[in-house]
């Protein structure tokens, strides 16, 4: 069976956590930051898990994750 290619855009966005879950960055922290308060920006900086309904799609994009 031939090797499968990884979608490079997905490889730059997703990581596997130590427990095996797929992690992603949170949205809404790229611009227009001056009116967002510090607590909100700090929470947006952290990683979060990919929702369980999207895990199958991410694993298809990254077969060797």
C-alpha atoms as a PDB file:
ATOM      1  CA  UNK A   1       0.000   0.000   0.000  1.00  0.00           C
ATOM      2  CA  UNK A   2       1.420   3.444  -0.867  1.00  0.00           C
ATOM      3  CA  UNK A   3       2.205   6.079   1.692  1.00  0.00           C
ATOM      4  CA  UNK A   4      -0.531   8.589   2.495  1.00  0.00           C
ATOM      5  CA  UNK A   5       0.109  12.300   2.273  1.00  0.00           C
ATOM      6  CA  UNK A   6      -0.528  14.648   5.165  1.00  0.00           C
ATOM      7  CA  UNK A   7      -2.489  17.829   4.472  1.00  0.00           C
ATOM      8  CA  UNK A   8       0.159  20.415   5.258  1.00  0.00           C
ATOM      9  CA  UNK A   9      -2.360  23.082   6.295  1.00  0.00           C
ATOM     10  CA  UNK A  10      -3.736  20.709   8.925  1.00  0.00           C
ATOM     11  CA  UNK A  11      -0.253  19.757  10.116  1.00  0.00           C
ATOM     12  CA  UNK A  12       0.402  23.407  10.951  1.00  0.00           C
ATOM     13  CA  UNK A  13      -2.832  23.753  12.947  1.00  0.00           C
ATOM     14  CA  UNK A  14      -3.241  20.561  14.968  1.00  0.00           C
ATOM     15  CA  UNK A  15      -1.124  18.680  17.514  1.00  0.00           C
ATOM     16  CA  UNK A  16      -1.616  15.505  19.514  1.00  0.00           C
ATOM     17  CA  UNK A  17      -1.667  15.942  23.294  1.00  0.00           C
ATOM     18  CA  UNK A  18       0.060  13.629  25.734  1.00  0.00           C
ATOM     19  CA  UNK A  19      -3.192  11.810  26.417  1.00  0.00           C
ATOM     20  CA  UNK A  20      -3.876  11.358  22.691  1.00  0.00           C
ATOM     21  CA  UNK A  21      -6.426  14.099  22.113  1.00  0.00           C
ATOM     22  CA  UNK A  22      -6.124  16.462  19.155  1.00  0.00           C
ATOM     23  CA  UNK A  23      -5.410  20.048  20.171  1.00  0.00           C
ATOM     24  CA  UNK A  24      -6.044  23.300  18.321  1.00  0.00           C
ATOM     25  CA  UNK A  25      -5.622  27.032  18.831  1.00  0.00           C
ATOM     26  CA  UNK A  26      -8.591  29.191  19.670  1.00  0.00           C
ATOM     27  CA  UNK A  27      -9.979  31.680  17.179  1.00  0.00           C
ATOM     28  CA  UNK A  28     -10.426  35.472  17.488  1.00  0.00           C
ATOM     29  CA  UNK A  29      -6.942  36.461  18.641  1.00  0.00           C
ATOM     30  CA  UNK A  30      -5.432  37.811  15.430  1.00  0.00           C
ATOM     31  CA  UNK A  31      -6.566  41.411  15.249  1.00  0.00           C
ATOM     32  CA  UNK A  32      -8.870  43.990  16.861  1.00  0.00           C
ATOM     33  CA  UNK A  33      -7.287  43.185  20.202  1.00  0.00           C
ATOM     34  CA  UNK A  34      -7.369  46.615  21.793  1.00  0.00           C
ATOM     35  CA  UNK A  35     -11.036  46.417  22.836  1.00  0.00           C
ATOM     36  CA  UNK A  36     -10.750  42.857  24.198  1.00  0.00           C
ATOM     37  CA  UNK A  37      -9.836  42.696  27.861  1.00  0.00           C
ATOM     38  CA  UNK A  38      -6.754  40.935  29.208  1.00  0.00           C
ATOM     39  CA  UNK A  39      -8.643  37.971  30.667  1.00  0.00           C
ATOM     40  CA  UNK A  40     -10.296  37.251  27.349  1.00  0.00           C
ATOM     41  CA  UNK A  41      -7.037  37.508  25.413  1.00  0.00           C
ATOM     42  CA  UNK A  42      -5.273  35.248  27.904  1.00  0.00           C
ATOM     43  CA  UNK A  43      -7.983  32.596  27.569  1.00  0.00           C
ATOM     44  CA  UNK A  44      -7.824  32.816  23.777  1.00  0.00           C
ATOM     45  CA  UNK A  45      -4.066  32.166  23.891  1.00  0.00           C
ATOM     46  CA  UNK A  46      -4.481  28.683  25.317  1.00  0.00           C
ATOM     47  CA  UNK A  47      -4.884  25.478  23.377  1.00  0.00           C
ATOM     48  CA  UNK A  48      -8.146  23.526  23.449  1.00  0.00           C
ATOM     49  CA  UNK A  49      -9.301  20.148  22.221  1.00  0.00           C
ATOM     50  CA  UNK A  50     -10.920  19.573  18.857  1.00  0.00           C
ATOM     51  CA  UNK A  51     -14.625  18.776  19.192  1.00  0.00           C
ATOM     52  CA  UNK A  52     -15.464  15.089  19.053  1.00  0.00           C
ATOM     53  CA  UNK A  53     -17.502  15.502  15.854  1.00  0.00           C
ATOM     54  CA  UNK A  54     -14.466  16.944  14.041  1.00  0.00           C
ATOM     55  CA  UNK A  55     -11.843  14.461  15.231  1.00  0.00           C
ATOM     56  CA  UNK A  56     -12.513  11.997  12.391  1.00  0.00           C
ATOM     57  CA  UNK A  57     -11.985  14.704   9.756  1.00  0.00           C
ATOM     58  CA  UNK A  58      -8.712  15.831  11.311  1.00  0.00           C
ATOM     59  CA  UNK A  59      -7.449  12.254  11.487  1.00  0.00           C
ATOM     60  CA  UNK A  60      -8.239  11.777   7.794  1.00  0.00           C
ATOM     61  CA  UNK A  61      -6.206  14.877   6.952  1.00  0.00           C
ATOM     62  CA  UNK A  62      -3.287  13.685   9.072  1.00  0.00           C
ATOM     63  CA  UNK A  63      -2.983   9.895   8.805  1.00  0.00           C
ATOM     64  CA  UNK A  64       0.243   9.686  10.817  1.00  0.00           C
ATOM     65  CA  UNK A  65      -0.770  12.011  13.660  1.00  0.00           C
END
